Amino acid sequence: MGTDREDERSESSKKRAGAERHASREAERSEDEPPFPHVPDSDDDDDAVVVPDAAGGASRSRENTDHAREGAIATDGGASAEGDSCSPDSCTCGEQTAADAEPETQPVATDGAGVANVDEMGELGDLEFTEPAEDASQDVYDDAPDTRVGVPEGVDLDTPEYSIRSRMNDIETPDEKTWFMELDEAVIDEGRCIQCGTCVAACPSDSIGVGDDGLPELVKMCTGCSMCWDFCPRGGMRYERQWKITGGEDNVKGAGDPITEFSARVEDDWTDGAQDGGVVTGVLATLLEEGEIDGALVATESDEEAWKAESYLATTTEELIENAGTVYNQTLALGNLDLEQWEHKLPDKDWEDLSLAIVGTPCEIEGIRALQDFEWDYQAQNEGIRAVDYTIALMCTKNFNYHSLMGEQLEEQRGISPEEIGKMDVLDGKMMVYDHDGEMIVEEDIENFHDAALKGCDECADFTGFCSDITVGSVGSSDEYSSVIVRTEQGMNAWELTEPKLDYHDLEDKSAVGKLQGWDKKKAFESLERPFDPDAPRFIEYSDHAENYGTALNPHDQAH
């Protein structure tokens, strides 16, 4: 049995033996040989190799690390002797004491890679902070925020399409949900959108906006609530069912079942710039003066593009007169009932007590009527929808795509620039265009402009705006008079207030209105792929529509 002293002597012997082996190897090494294989000589040992000091980030020279390398690397090109392995973290040769051992820590990258404030020597520097901007989004991009980074040049990423939904855990689109994608598939992509803006107004999550092409587009995630589909007059809303709103039983014949009809005009100098008799502007101005409304949503001409229609909230008689007349393209009016955009024109107004009038095509009036029938929250558009108390429909057989009508048809094919045009009118089946001096420069059959018309207008059988309080147009009256059809008690109130300012008599030609309504309806029957049924349910299921029109069911799952 050995004693403690004997163990100490044995351990001491091992250490001496290890030291002798080191000395022997040093003696055998030639002076001309490099100190380690494949490592070049250096005149200055302190600069040969620099490594980080694990404890404090300070550098250490090779002079202070030779011992660790000697134990880890055999100088004869082979492995070290068995049992003799030294490193910065361990030593078995006996020359490194416990006090010399380095703590086990991860080395710091000496080139600063992955660490923004570390230099090539491993030294930490100060961080620089950018003060956040006030009342504005912080711009943290050197280029466009949608620019993809970190993609190697020449690599084409296989980005999944909408069909990814069907590959995620075998998820299938719920049958009871209808998404904006269905509306896009069946109406917008098919060129059937009539740009009324009803889908924008209906969305309870404000997920639908207007694209640069003037068409609705998704701007936020769709929740599948189905409302954009349900309220679209070319999608889920059976617009002929809406006619029953005015209470008439004969709404599918002639001009419907109105309370009364007139040919009228406003007797005032400003009517020279108005359409026909200026009745629409006269009614709205009277409602403003009488305090019945706080403003009217009308169409105005764009400041940037001549004869391009935009929505405008007129709150004074002067603004109404300035914007009198008809612009033959849509404004997506119902998508402009977000009162925040008109807040500067409604100072100190309580939105809950606000009263507005809206002037639009029959499809726009169908949309606002349907939205008002339900007590859902339409988010940004909600107060504006609830504020509409008066609706005026303009007689309409079709409307036009701005660029197709003004650019292709008039400017390119007929050599008439939009800036030359002073007035436009569609009357007796003809497109009439006048210059600023009142001289007619175009008078052609409206069918010659069919290619510029919105495709969805072909499906409409509502020439006279059956859902409105008042309908106004030129058919059925002589020049300088407007045809006026009063349909509701609200419309009658507006008429009676305006009557003292009007020159009016019974509608001159009721049959003319009926004939054009019949023609419009015939065209609709030729274009509609679904049944025309005023007694059917108000809303059409997407699956029923797809069956009639041949559009895809669940386009999400078909890489739409």
Protein backbone atom coordinates (compact mmCIF):
# COMPACT_ATOMS: atom_id res chain seq x y z
CA MET A 1 0.00 0.00 0.00
CA GLY A 2 1.39 3.35 -1.07
CA THR A 3 1.51 6.39 1.18
CA ASP A 4 0.49 9.97 0.36
CA ARG A 5 4.15 10.91 0.18
CA GLU A 6 4.81 8.13 -2.29
CA ASP A 7 1.89 9.43 -4.46
CA GLU A 8 3.37 12.91 -4.40
CA ARG A 9 6.78 11.57 -5.49
CA SER A 10 5.12 9.62 -8.30
CA GLU A 11 3.26 12.69 -9.53
CA SER A 12 6.44 14.78 -9.34
CA SER A 13 8.27 12.15 -11.39
CA LYS A 14 5.62 12.34 -14.08
CA LYS A 15 5.97 16.10 -14.31
CA ARG A 16 9.77 15.86 -14.61
CA ALA A 17 9.44 13.20 -17.28
CA GLY A 18 7.07 15.45 -19.24
CA ALA A 19 9.48 18.37 -19.00
CA GLU A 20 12.38 16.20 -20.15
CA ARG A 21 10.39 15.07 -23.20
CA HIS A 22 9.67 18.72 -24.13
CA ALA A 23 13.35 19.60 -23.74
CA SER A 24 14.37 16.60 -25.88
CA ARG A 25 12.02 17.61 -28.69
CA GLU A 26 13.28 21.21 -28.60
CA ALA A 27 16.89 19.98 -28.87
CA GLU A 28 16.07 17.77 -31.86
CA ARG A 29 14.39 20.64 -33.80
CA SER A 30 16.66 22.24 -36.41
CA GLU A 31 17.20 26.00 -36.24
CA ASP A 32 16.20 26.28 -39.95
CA GLU A 33 12.89 24.53 -39.47
CA PRO A 34 9.73 26.56 -38.87
CA PRO A 35 8.46 26.23 -35.30
CA PHE A 36 5.36 24.36 -36.53
CA PRO A 37 4.62 22.55 -39.79
CA HIS A 38 2.82 24.70 -42.42
CA VAL A 39 3.15 27.82 -40.22
CA PRO A 40 5.40 30.58 -41.72
CA ASP A 41 8.15 32.21 -39.72
CA SER A 42 7.71 35.70 -38.34
CA ASP A 43 10.33 38.20 -37.32
CA ASP A 44 8.12 39.43 -34.52
CA ASP A 45 6.54 36.71 -32.44
CA ASP A 46 4.15 39.18 -30.84
CA ASP A 47 2.58 40.02 -34.23
CA ALA A 48 2.56 36.53 -35.73
CA VAL A 49 -0.80 35.38 -34.45
CA VAL A 50 -3.32 37.44 -32.54
CA VAL A 51 -6.18 35.75 -30.71
CA PRO A 52 -8.84 37.23 -28.50
CA ASP A 53 -8.56 37.14 -24.77
CA ALA A 54 -11.65 35.23 -23.71
CA ALA A 55 -11.92 37.07 -20.45
CA GLY A 56 -11.93 40.67 -21.50
CA GLY A 57 -11.73 40.92 -25.25
CA ALA A 58 -8.01 42.02 -25.13
CA SER A 59 -5.62 40.35 -27.58
CA ARG A 60 -2.80 38.02 -26.60
CA SER A 61 0.40 37.41 -28.63
CA ARG A 62 1.80 34.06 -29.70
CA GLU A 63 4.40 34.42 -26.94
CA ASN A 64 1.73 33.82 -24.36
CA THR A 65 0.10 30.95 -26.23
CA ASP A 66 3.07 28.84 -27.38
CA HIS A 67 2.62 26.47 -24.50
CA ALA A 68 -0.91 25.65 -25.41
CA ARG A 69 -0.03 25.04 -29.06
CA GLU A 70 3.00 22.92 -28.20
CA GLY A 71 0.83 20.57 -26.28
CA ALA A 72 -1.91 20.47 -28.94
CA ILE A 73 0.24 20.13 -32.12
CA ALA A 74 3.01 17.64 -32.60
CA THR A 75 6.14 19.33 -33.94
CA ASP A 76 7.19 16.34 -36.00
CA GLY A 77 4.10 16.58 -38.22
CA GLY A 78 2.30 13.78 -36.40
CA ALA A 79 0.03 13.58 -33.41
CA SER A 80 1.40 14.29 -29.94
CA ALA A 81 2.42 11.46 -27.73
CA GLU A 82 -0.30 9.56 -26.01
CA GLY A 83 -1.30 11.26 -22.82
CA ASP A 84 0.44 14.55 -23.69
CA SER A 85 -2.24 16.86 -25.07
CA CYS A 86 -2.21 20.54 -24.18
CA SER A 87 -4.64 23.26 -25.23
CA PRO A 88 -5.76 26.66 -23.97
CA ASP A 89 -8.39 24.83 -21.94
CA SER A 90 -6.45 21.80 -20.67
CA CYS A 91 -2.92 20.59 -19.97
CA THR A 92 -1.63 17.07 -19.32
CA CYS A 93 2.08 17.74 -19.60
CA GLY A 94 2.23 19.30 -16.20
CA GLU A 95 3.64 22.71 -17.18
CA GLN A 96 0.41 24.69 -16.90
CA THR A 97 -0.92 25.29 -13.45
CA ALA A 98 -4.57 25.55 -12.51
CA ALA A 99 -4.16 29.29 -12.08
CA ASP A 100 -3.09 29.61 -15.73
CA ALA A 101 -6.12 27.77 -17.11
CA GLU A 102 -8.58 29.87 -19.15
CA PRO A 103 -12.28 29.80 -18.28
CA GLU A 104 -14.52 28.00 -20.78
CA THR A 105 -16.06 30.78 -22.87
CA GLN A 106 -17.02 31.14 -26.53
CA PRO A 107 -14.49 33.18 -28.54
CA VAL A 108 -15.60 36.50 -29.98
CA ALA A 109 -15.47 36.84 -33.76
CA THR A 110 -12.40 38.90 -34.56
CA ASP A 111 -13.68 40.18 -37.88
CA GLY A 112 -16.88 41.61 -36.49
CA ALA A 113 -19.00 39.12 -38.47
CA GLY A 114 -22.54 39.01 -37.13
CA VAL A 115 -21.76 41.63 -34.47
CA ALA A 116 -22.32 45.19 -35.61
CA ASN A 117 -20.17 46.89 -32.99
CA VAL A 118 -17.08 44.60 -32.90
CA ASP A 119 -13.98 45.60 -34.87
CA GLU A 120 -11.36 43.33 -36.50
CA MET A 121 -9.47 43.16 -33.22
CA GLY A 122 -12.51 42.00 -31.33
CA GLU A 123 -12.87 45.34 -29.59
CA LEU A 124 -16.39 46.47 -28.67
CA GLY A 125 -17.35 49.92 -29.90
CA ASP A 126 -20.18 52.28 -29.08
CA LEU A 127 -23.61 51.76 -30.64
CA GLU A 128 -25.19 54.56 -32.64
CA PHE A 129 -28.92 55.08 -32.28
CA THR A 130 -31.22 56.96 -34.64
CA GLU A 131 -33.84 59.03 -32.91
CA PRO A 132 -37.33 57.88 -34.02
CA ALA A 133 -39.30 60.35 -36.12
CA GLU A 134 -42.29 61.99 -34.51
CA ASP A 135 -45.77 61.61 -36.06
CA ALA A 136 -44.33 59.61 -38.96
CA SER A 137 -43.25 56.09 -39.80
CA GLN A 138 -39.54 55.52 -39.31
CA ASP A 139 -37.73 55.04 -42.64
CA VAL A 140 -35.27 52.21 -42.02
CA TYR A 141 -34.76 51.12 -45.62
CA ASP A 142 -32.04 52.08 -48.07
CA ASP A 143 -34.36 51.11 -50.92
CA ALA A 144 -37.99 50.13 -51.42
CA PRO A 145 -39.39 48.31 -48.35
CA ASP A 146 -40.73 45.52 -50.55
CA THR A 147 -37.29 44.73 -52.01
CA ARG A 148 -36.29 41.19 -51.11
CA VAL A 149 -32.85 40.81 -49.54
CA GLY A 150 -30.63 37.83 -48.96
CA VAL A 151 -31.65 36.00 -52.15
CA PRO A 152 -28.58 34.85 -54.12
CA GLU A 153 -28.29 36.20 -57.64
CA GLY A 154 -29.77 33.86 -60.20
CA VAL A 155 -31.91 31.97 -57.67
CA ASP A 156 -35.60 31.80 -58.59
CA LEU A 157 -37.63 31.17 -55.44
CA ASP A 158 -40.65 28.94 -55.87
CA THR A 159 -43.14 31.19 -54.06
CA PRO A 160 -46.40 29.33 -53.29
CA GLU A 161 -49.62 30.56 -54.88
CA TYR A 162 -53.05 30.66 -53.27
CA SER A 163 -53.24 26.89 -53.73
CA ILE A 164 -50.91 26.63 -50.72
CA ARG A 165 -54.06 26.72 -48.56
CA SER A 166 -55.17 23.34 -49.87
CA ARG A 167 -51.77 21.80 -49.11
CA MET A 168 -51.65 23.01 -45.50
CA ASN A 169 -52.73 20.07 -43.37
CA ASP A 170 -55.36 19.21 -46.00
CA ILE A 171 -57.34 22.37 -45.15
CA GLU A 172 -60.26 22.99 -47.49
CA THR A 173 -62.11 26.27 -48.00
CA PRO A 174 -65.29 26.25 -45.88
CA ASP A 175 -68.34 26.13 -48.11
CA GLU A 176 -70.20 28.73 -46.04
CA LYS A 177 -67.52 31.39 -46.54
CA THR A 178 -67.22 33.61 -49.60
CA TRP A 179 -64.01 35.57 -49.98
CA PHE A 180 -62.96 38.63 -51.94
CA MET A 181 -61.13 36.17 -54.18
CA GLU A 182 -64.50 34.83 -55.35
CA LEU A 183 -65.66 38.36 -56.19
CA ASP A 184 -62.38 38.95 -57.99
CA GLU A 185 -62.72 35.70 -59.92
CA ALA A 186 -66.36 36.11 -60.97
CA VAL A 187 -66.73 39.88 -61.42
CA ILE A 188 -63.54 41.96 -61.45
CA ASP A 189 -61.23 39.66 -63.42
CA GLU A 190 -64.09 38.90 -65.79
CA GLY A 191 -64.44 42.60 -66.65
CA ARG A 192 -67.97 42.75 -65.21
CA CYS A 193 -67.21 45.28 -62.45
CA ILE A 194 -69.36 48.43 -62.78
CA GLN A 195 -67.19 50.45 -60.38
CA CYS A 196 -70.02 51.37 -58.00
CA GLY A 197 -67.82 50.93 -54.89
CA THR A 198 -70.40 48.88 -52.98
CA CYS A 199 -67.85 46.19 -52.09
CA VAL A 200 -65.49 48.82 -50.64
CA ALA A 201 -68.29 50.25 -48.50
CA ALA A 202 -69.56 46.83 -47.38
CA CYS A 203 -66.27 45.43 -46.07
CA PRO A 204 -66.42 45.34 -42.23
CA SER A 205 -62.62 45.08 -41.93
CA ASP A 206 -61.72 47.85 -44.43
CA SER A 207 -59.80 45.24 -46.41
CA ILE A 208 -60.84 46.49 -49.86
CA GLY A 209 -59.41 49.57 -51.53
CA VAL A 210 -59.16 50.99 -55.03
CA GLY A 211 -56.24 50.17 -57.31
CA ASP A 212 -54.48 52.39 -59.83
CA ASP A 213 -56.72 50.91 -62.51
CA GLY A 214 -59.84 52.23 -60.74
CA LEU A 215 -60.97 48.74 -59.74
CA PRO A 216 -61.45 47.29 -56.25
CA GLU A 217 -58.50 45.39 -54.84
CA LEU A 218 -57.58 43.67 -51.59
CA VAL A 219 -55.38 45.84 -49.36
CA LYS A 220 -55.56 43.81 -46.16
CA MET A 221 -56.28 40.20 -45.23
CA CYS A 222 -59.78 39.02 -46.22
CA THR A 223 -61.82 37.46 -43.40
CA GLY A 224 -64.25 35.61 -45.65
CA CYS A 225 -67.28 37.43 -44.24
CA SER A 226 -68.99 37.27 -47.70
CA MET A 227 -70.34 40.83 -47.58
CA CYS A 228 -68.43 42.17 -50.59
CA TRP A 229 -69.95 39.37 -52.61
CA ASP A 230 -73.44 39.70 -51.14
CA PHE A 231 -73.80 43.41 -51.91
CA CYS A 232 -72.22 43.45 -55.39
CA PRO A 233 -74.92 44.25 -58.01
CA ARG A 234 -73.07 42.00 -60.47
CA GLY A 235 -72.30 39.32 -57.91
CA GLY A 236 -74.41 38.21 -55.00
CA MET A 237 -77.09 40.91 -54.98
CA ARG A 238 -80.16 40.18 -57.08
CA TYR A 239 -80.64 43.79 -58.11
CA GLU A 240 -84.14 43.26 -59.54
CA ARG A 241 -85.27 42.25 -56.04
CA GLN A 242 -84.10 45.65 -54.78
CA TRP A 243 -86.80 47.36 -56.82
CA LYS A 244 -89.40 46.37 -54.24
CA ILE A 245 -87.85 48.95 -51.89
CA THR A 246 -90.06 51.68 -53.40
CA GLY A 247 -93.15 49.60 -52.67
CA GLY A 248 -94.41 49.37 -56.25
CA GLU A 249 -95.96 46.16 -57.59
CA ASP A 250 -95.18 47.02 -61.21
CA ASN A 251 -91.47 47.65 -60.94
CA VAL A 252 -90.47 45.48 -63.89
CA LYS A 253 -92.47 47.40 -66.49
CA GLY A 254 -91.92 50.83 -67.96
CA ALA A 255 -90.64 53.40 -65.50
CA GLY A 256 -91.89 51.45 -62.51
CA ASP A 257 -94.61 52.66 -60.18
CA PRO A 258 -93.74 56.29 -59.33
CA ILE A 259 -95.69 58.81 -57.32
CA THR A 260 -95.51 61.46 -60.03
CA GLU A 261 -93.50 62.53 -63.12
CA PHE A 262 -92.56 65.93 -64.58
CA SER A 263 -90.56 67.71 -67.24
CA ALA A 264 -88.78 70.54 -65.42
CA ARG A 265 -85.96 73.04 -65.53
CA VAL A 266 -84.39 75.56 -63.18
CA GLU A 267 -84.86 79.19 -64.19
CA ASP A 268 -81.43 80.62 -63.49
CA ASP A 269 -78.38 81.77 -65.45
CA TRP A 270 -76.08 79.08 -64.06
CA THR A 271 -78.02 76.32 -65.89
CA ASP A 272 -75.97 76.98 -69.05
CA GLY A 273 -73.27 74.70 -67.68
CA ALA A 274 -75.69 72.15 -66.24
CA GLN A 275 -77.05 69.00 -67.85
CA ASP A 276 -80.43 69.61 -69.52
CA GLY A 277 -82.63 71.57 -67.08
CA GLY A 278 -80.25 71.61 -64.11
CA VAL A 279 -82.82 69.93 -61.87
CA VAL A 280 -80.35 67.77 -59.92
CA THR A 281 -78.29 70.81 -58.91
CA GLY A 282 -81.47 72.80 -58.17
CA VAL A 283 -82.84 70.09 -55.84
CA LEU A 284 -79.53 69.68 -53.98
CA ALA A 285 -79.04 73.45 -53.59
CA THR A 286 -82.53 73.76 -52.14
CA LEU A 287 -81.96 70.92 -49.68
CA LEU A 288 -78.76 72.65 -48.53
CA GLU A 289 -80.44 76.04 -48.15
CA GLU A 290 -83.34 74.52 -46.21
CA GLY A 291 -80.99 72.71 -43.83
CA GLU A 292 -82.23 69.29 -44.95
CA ILE A 293 -78.72 68.12 -45.78
CA ASP A 294 -75.16 69.07 -44.80
CA GLY A 295 -73.65 68.09 -48.12
CA ALA A 296 -74.09 66.08 -51.31
CA LEU A 297 -71.74 63.48 -52.76
CA VAL A 298 -71.49 64.30 -56.47
CA ALA A 299 -69.03 63.82 -59.33
CA THR A 300 -66.36 66.36 -60.16
CA GLU A 301 -63.76 66.55 -62.89
CA SER A 302 -60.23 65.55 -61.95
CA ASP A 303 -57.62 68.31 -61.77
CA GLU A 304 -55.05 66.01 -63.38
CA GLU A 305 -57.06 64.37 -66.19
CA ALA A 306 -59.73 66.17 -68.21
CA TRP A 307 -63.20 64.59 -68.02
CA LYS A 308 -62.12 61.97 -65.50
CA ALA A 309 -64.75 61.71 -62.78
CA GLU A 310 -63.93 61.78 -59.08
CA SER A 311 -66.16 61.85 -56.01
CA TYR A 312 -66.63 65.22 -54.34
CA LEU A 313 -68.59 66.31 -51.28
CA ALA A 314 -70.25 69.64 -52.09
CA THR A 315 -71.28 71.61 -49.02
CA THR A 316 -72.22 74.96 -50.61
CA THR A 317 -74.45 76.08 -53.48
CA GLU A 318 -71.39 77.48 -55.25
CA GLU A 319 -69.69 74.07 -55.17
CA LEU A 320 -72.81 72.41 -56.53
CA ILE A 321 -73.09 74.86 -59.44
CA GLU A 322 -69.37 74.52 -60.19
CA ASN A 323 -69.78 70.76 -60.51
CA ALA A 324 -73.07 70.74 -62.45
CA GLY A 325 -73.17 68.47 -65.50
CA THR A 326 -72.50 64.81 -66.22
CA VAL A 327 -69.16 63.05 -66.47
CA TYR A 328 -69.53 59.69 -68.24
CA ASN A 329 -67.40 57.44 -66.08
CA GLN A 330 -67.79 56.02 -62.59
CA THR A 331 -66.31 57.38 -59.36
CA LEU A 332 -66.76 54.32 -57.10
CA ALA A 333 -68.98 56.70 -55.14
CA LEU A 334 -69.88 54.28 -52.35
CA GLY A 335 -66.21 53.75 -51.67
CA ASN A 336 -65.94 57.46 -50.85
CA LEU A 337 -68.35 57.53 -47.91
CA ASP A 338 -65.47 57.47 -45.42
CA LEU A 339 -66.21 60.79 -43.73
CA GLU A 340 -62.62 61.23 -42.55
CA GLN A 341 -61.59 62.20 -46.07
CA TRP A 342 -64.21 64.97 -45.97
CA GLU A 343 -63.55 66.06 -42.40
CA HIS A 344 -62.08 69.36 -43.59
CA LYS A 345 -65.42 70.16 -45.24
CA LEU A 346 -67.49 69.21 -42.21
CA PRO A 347 -66.05 71.33 -39.39
CA ASP A 348 -67.72 70.96 -36.01
CA LYS A 349 -70.24 68.46 -37.41
CA ASP A 350 -71.41 65.55 -35.32
CA TRP A 351 -71.28 62.61 -37.70
CA GLU A 352 -74.19 60.89 -35.97
CA ASP A 353 -76.42 63.87 -36.82
CA LEU A 354 -75.06 64.35 -40.33
CA SER A 355 -77.43 64.28 -43.31
CA LEU A 356 -76.20 63.74 -46.87
CA ALA A 357 -77.58 63.32 -50.37
CA ILE A 358 -75.95 61.14 -53.00
CA VAL A 359 -76.22 61.35 -56.78
CA GLY A 360 -75.35 58.22 -58.72
CA THR A 361 -76.14 55.68 -61.36
CA PRO A 362 -78.92 53.13 -60.68
CA CYS A 363 -76.40 50.48 -59.60
CA GLU A 364 -74.88 52.84 -57.00
CA ILE A 365 -78.33 53.60 -55.60
CA GLU A 366 -79.11 49.85 -55.47
CA GLY A 367 -75.93 49.38 -53.45
CA ILE A 368 -76.54 52.15 -50.88
CA ARG A 369 -80.12 51.01 -50.37
CA ALA A 370 -79.04 47.44 -49.69
CA LEU A 371 -76.29 48.52 -47.27
CA GLN A 372 -78.73 50.69 -45.31
CA ASP A 373 -81.14 47.79 -44.89
CA PHE A 374 -78.79 46.02 -42.49
CA GLU A 375 -77.49 47.23 -39.14
CA TRP A 376 -74.00 45.89 -39.62
CA ASP A 377 -70.93 47.98 -38.88
CA TYR A 378 -69.26 48.99 -42.12
CA GLN A 379 -66.22 50.39 -40.29
CA ALA A 380 -64.71 53.46 -42.02
CA GLN A 381 -67.72 53.86 -44.32
CA ASN A 382 -70.37 53.27 -41.65
CA GLU A 383 -71.22 56.84 -40.62
CA GLY A 384 -71.30 57.94 -44.24
CA ILE A 385 -73.68 55.14 -45.23
CA ARG A 386 -76.02 55.95 -42.34
CA ALA A 387 -75.90 59.67 -43.14
CA VAL A 388 -77.37 59.33 -46.65
CA ASP A 389 -80.99 60.54 -46.44
CA TYR A 390 -81.65 61.47 -50.07
CA THR A 391 -80.81 59.46 -53.19
CA ILE A 392 -81.00 60.79 -56.76
CA ALA A 393 -80.50 58.34 -59.64
CA LEU A 394 -79.43 59.40 -63.12
CA MET A 395 -81.12 57.58 -66.02
CA CYS A 396 -78.43 55.30 -67.42
CA THR A 397 -78.15 52.73 -70.17
CA LYS A 398 -74.39 52.27 -69.75
CA ASN A 399 -71.28 53.92 -68.41
CA PHE A 400 -67.77 53.97 -69.76
CA ASN A 401 -64.21 53.17 -68.93
CA TYR A 402 -62.46 56.53 -68.83
CA HIS A 403 -59.32 55.55 -70.74
CA SER A 404 -61.26 53.58 -73.36
CA LEU A 405 -63.73 56.40 -74.05
CA MET A 406 -61.60 59.52 -73.79
CA GLY A 407 -58.28 58.02 -74.89
CA GLU A 408 -58.99 55.33 -77.44
CA GLN A 409 -62.39 56.28 -78.89
CA LEU A 410 -62.25 60.08 -78.91
CA GLU A 411 -58.58 61.03 -78.95
CA GLU A 412 -56.95 58.19 -80.88
CA GLN A 413 -59.75 57.29 -83.30
CA ARG A 414 -61.42 60.68 -83.77
CA GLY A 415 -58.61 63.10 -83.03
CA ILE A 416 -60.44 64.93 -80.22
CA SER A 417 -58.43 65.53 -77.05
CA PRO A 418 -60.26 65.66 -73.70
CA GLU A 419 -59.12 69.28 -73.24
CA GLU A 420 -61.17 70.32 -76.29
CA ILE A 421 -64.46 69.01 -74.87
CA GLY A 422 -66.86 71.40 -73.15
CA LYS A 423 -69.89 69.12 -72.73
CA MET A 424 -70.98 65.54 -73.37
CA ASP A 425 -74.45 64.01 -73.60
CA VAL A 426 -76.08 60.71 -74.48
CA LEU A 427 -79.50 61.40 -76.01
CA ASP A 428 -81.84 59.51 -78.33
CA GLY A 429 -79.33 56.70 -78.68
CA LYS A 430 -76.53 59.05 -79.74
CA MET A 431 -73.26 60.18 -78.21
CA MET A 432 -73.02 63.95 -78.49
CA VAL A 433 -69.82 65.88 -77.80
CA TYR A 434 -69.55 69.70 -77.79
CA ASP A 435 -66.56 72.02 -77.66
CA HIS A 436 -66.20 74.94 -75.24
CA ASP A 437 -68.10 77.24 -77.60
CA GLY A 438 -71.11 74.92 -77.68
CA GLU A 439 -70.40 73.61 -81.19
CA MET A 440 -71.15 69.91 -81.69
CA ILE A 441 -68.01 68.05 -82.72
CA VAL A 442 -69.30 64.44 -82.42
CA GLU A 443 -72.78 63.02 -83.02
CA GLU A 444 -72.74 59.26 -83.47
CA ASP A 445 -74.80 56.22 -82.60
CA ILE A 446 -73.98 55.14 -79.06
CA GLU A 447 -73.32 51.62 -80.35
CA ASN A 448 -70.15 52.96 -82.01
CA PHE A 449 -68.74 53.41 -78.51
CA HIS A 450 -69.77 49.98 -77.25
CA ASP A 451 -66.15 48.81 -76.84
CA ALA A 452 -65.53 51.63 -74.35
CA ALA A 453 -68.57 50.76 -72.21
CA LEU A 454 -68.27 48.80 -68.98
CA LYS A 455 -69.08 45.18 -69.77
CA GLY A 456 -71.16 44.80 -66.61
CA CYS A 457 -73.56 47.52 -67.80
CA ASP A 458 -74.93 45.09 -70.39
CA GLU A 459 -76.50 43.04 -67.59
CA CYS A 460 -78.41 45.95 -66.07
CA ALA A 461 -82.18 46.24 -66.58
CA ASP A 462 -82.56 49.25 -64.28
CA PHE A 463 -82.46 52.21 -66.66
CA THR A 464 -84.52 54.54 -64.45
CA GLY A 465 -83.11 53.83 -60.99
CA PHE A 466 -86.05 52.10 -59.32
CA CYS A 467 -84.50 52.26 -55.83
CA SER A 468 -84.00 56.04 -55.71
CA ASP A 469 -86.05 58.80 -54.11
CA ILE A 470 -85.91 60.78 -57.37
CA THR A 471 -84.83 59.82 -60.88
CA VAL A 472 -83.59 62.50 -63.29
CA GLY A 473 -82.64 62.24 -66.96
CA SER A 474 -83.25 63.68 -70.40
CA VAL A 475 -85.35 60.95 -72.04
CA GLY A 476 -89.00 61.93 -72.36
CA SER A 477 -88.46 65.72 -72.25
CA SER A 478 -87.58 68.36 -74.83
CA ASP A 479 -84.26 70.18 -74.98
CA GLU A 480 -83.34 72.21 -71.88
CA TYR A 481 -85.77 70.22 -69.73
CA SER A 482 -85.09 67.30 -67.44
CA SER A 483 -87.40 64.31 -66.93
CA VAL A 484 -88.14 63.90 -63.22
CA ILE A 485 -89.65 60.77 -61.63
CA VAL A 486 -90.55 61.04 -57.95
CA ARG A 487 -90.66 57.61 -56.30
CA THR A 488 -90.78 58.02 -52.50
CA GLU A 489 -92.14 60.32 -49.79
CA GLN A 490 -88.58 61.54 -49.19
CA GLY A 491 -88.34 62.37 -52.87
CA MET A 492 -91.67 64.16 -52.72
CA ASN A 493 -90.42 66.30 -49.88
CA ALA A 494 -87.37 67.34 -51.93
CA TRP A 495 -89.58 68.09 -54.94
CA GLU A 496 -92.02 70.26 -52.99
CA LEU A 497 -89.18 72.30 -51.48
CA THR A 498 -87.67 72.88 -54.95
CA GLU A 499 -90.92 73.40 -56.88
CA PRO A 500 -91.09 77.24 -56.46
CA LYS A 501 -87.76 77.55 -58.32
CA LEU A 502 -88.80 75.35 -61.25
CA ASP A 503 -90.48 75.74 -64.58
CA TYR A 504 -92.28 72.38 -64.93
CA HIS A 505 -95.19 70.49 -66.47
CA ASP A 506 -96.30 66.88 -66.86
CA LEU A 507 -93.75 64.51 -68.31
CA GLU A 508 -93.88 65.11 -72.05
CA ASP A 509 -93.30 61.58 -73.35
CA LYS A 510 -93.82 58.74 -70.89
CA SER A 511 -93.67 56.20 -73.69
CA ALA A 512 -90.11 57.25 -74.54
CA VAL A 513 -89.02 56.38 -71.01
CA GLY A 514 -90.88 53.08 -71.16
CA LYS A 515 -89.39 52.16 -74.54
CA LEU A 516 -85.82 52.81 -73.43
CA GLN A 517 -86.45 50.89 -70.22
CA GLY A 518 -87.74 47.99 -72.33
CA TRP A 519 -84.69 48.14 -74.61
CA ASP A 520 -82.37 48.18 -71.61
CA LYS A 521 -84.14 45.19 -70.12
CA LYS A 522 -83.92 43.27 -73.40
CA LYS A 523 -80.16 43.85 -73.55
CA ALA A 524 -79.88 42.64 -69.96
CA PHE A 525 -81.76 39.42 -70.71
CA GLU A 526 -79.35 38.74 -73.58
CA SER A 527 -76.33 39.22 -71.31
CA LEU A 528 -77.44 37.77 -67.97
CA GLU A 529 -76.28 34.20 -67.47
CA ARG A 530 -78.44 33.74 -64.39
CA PRO A 531 -82.24 33.79 -64.15
CA PHE A 532 -83.90 37.23 -63.84
CA ASP A 533 -86.37 36.84 -60.97
CA PRO A 534 -87.68 39.82 -58.92
CA ASP A 535 -89.44 37.42 -56.52
CA ALA A 536 -86.40 35.29 -55.70
CA PRO A 537 -84.25 35.79 -52.57
CA ARG A 538 -82.25 39.00 -52.49
CA PHE A 539 -78.84 37.33 -52.32
CA ILE A 540 -77.37 34.78 -54.71
CA GLU A 541 -75.02 32.09 -53.40
CA TYR A 542 -71.62 32.05 -55.03
CA SER A 543 -72.04 28.38 -55.89
CA ASP A 544 -75.27 29.19 -57.78
CA HIS A 545 -73.58 32.04 -59.61
CA ALA A 546 -70.59 29.85 -60.50
CA GLU A 547 -72.93 27.20 -61.87
CA ASN A 548 -74.55 29.76 -64.20
CA TYR A 549 -71.40 31.66 -65.21
CA GLY A 550 -68.92 28.81 -65.21
CA THR A 551 -66.52 30.46 -62.76
CA ALA A 552 -64.31 28.47 -60.41
CA LEU A 553 -65.49 27.27 -57.04
CA ASN A 554 -62.93 27.97 -54.30
CA PRO A 555 -60.45 29.82 -56.56
CA HIS A 556 -58.02 29.92 -53.61
CA ASP A 557 -57.46 26.19 -54.11
CA GLN A 558 -56.95 26.53 -57.85
CA ALA A 559 -53.96 28.90 -57.89
CA HIS A 560 -56.09 31.92 -58.88
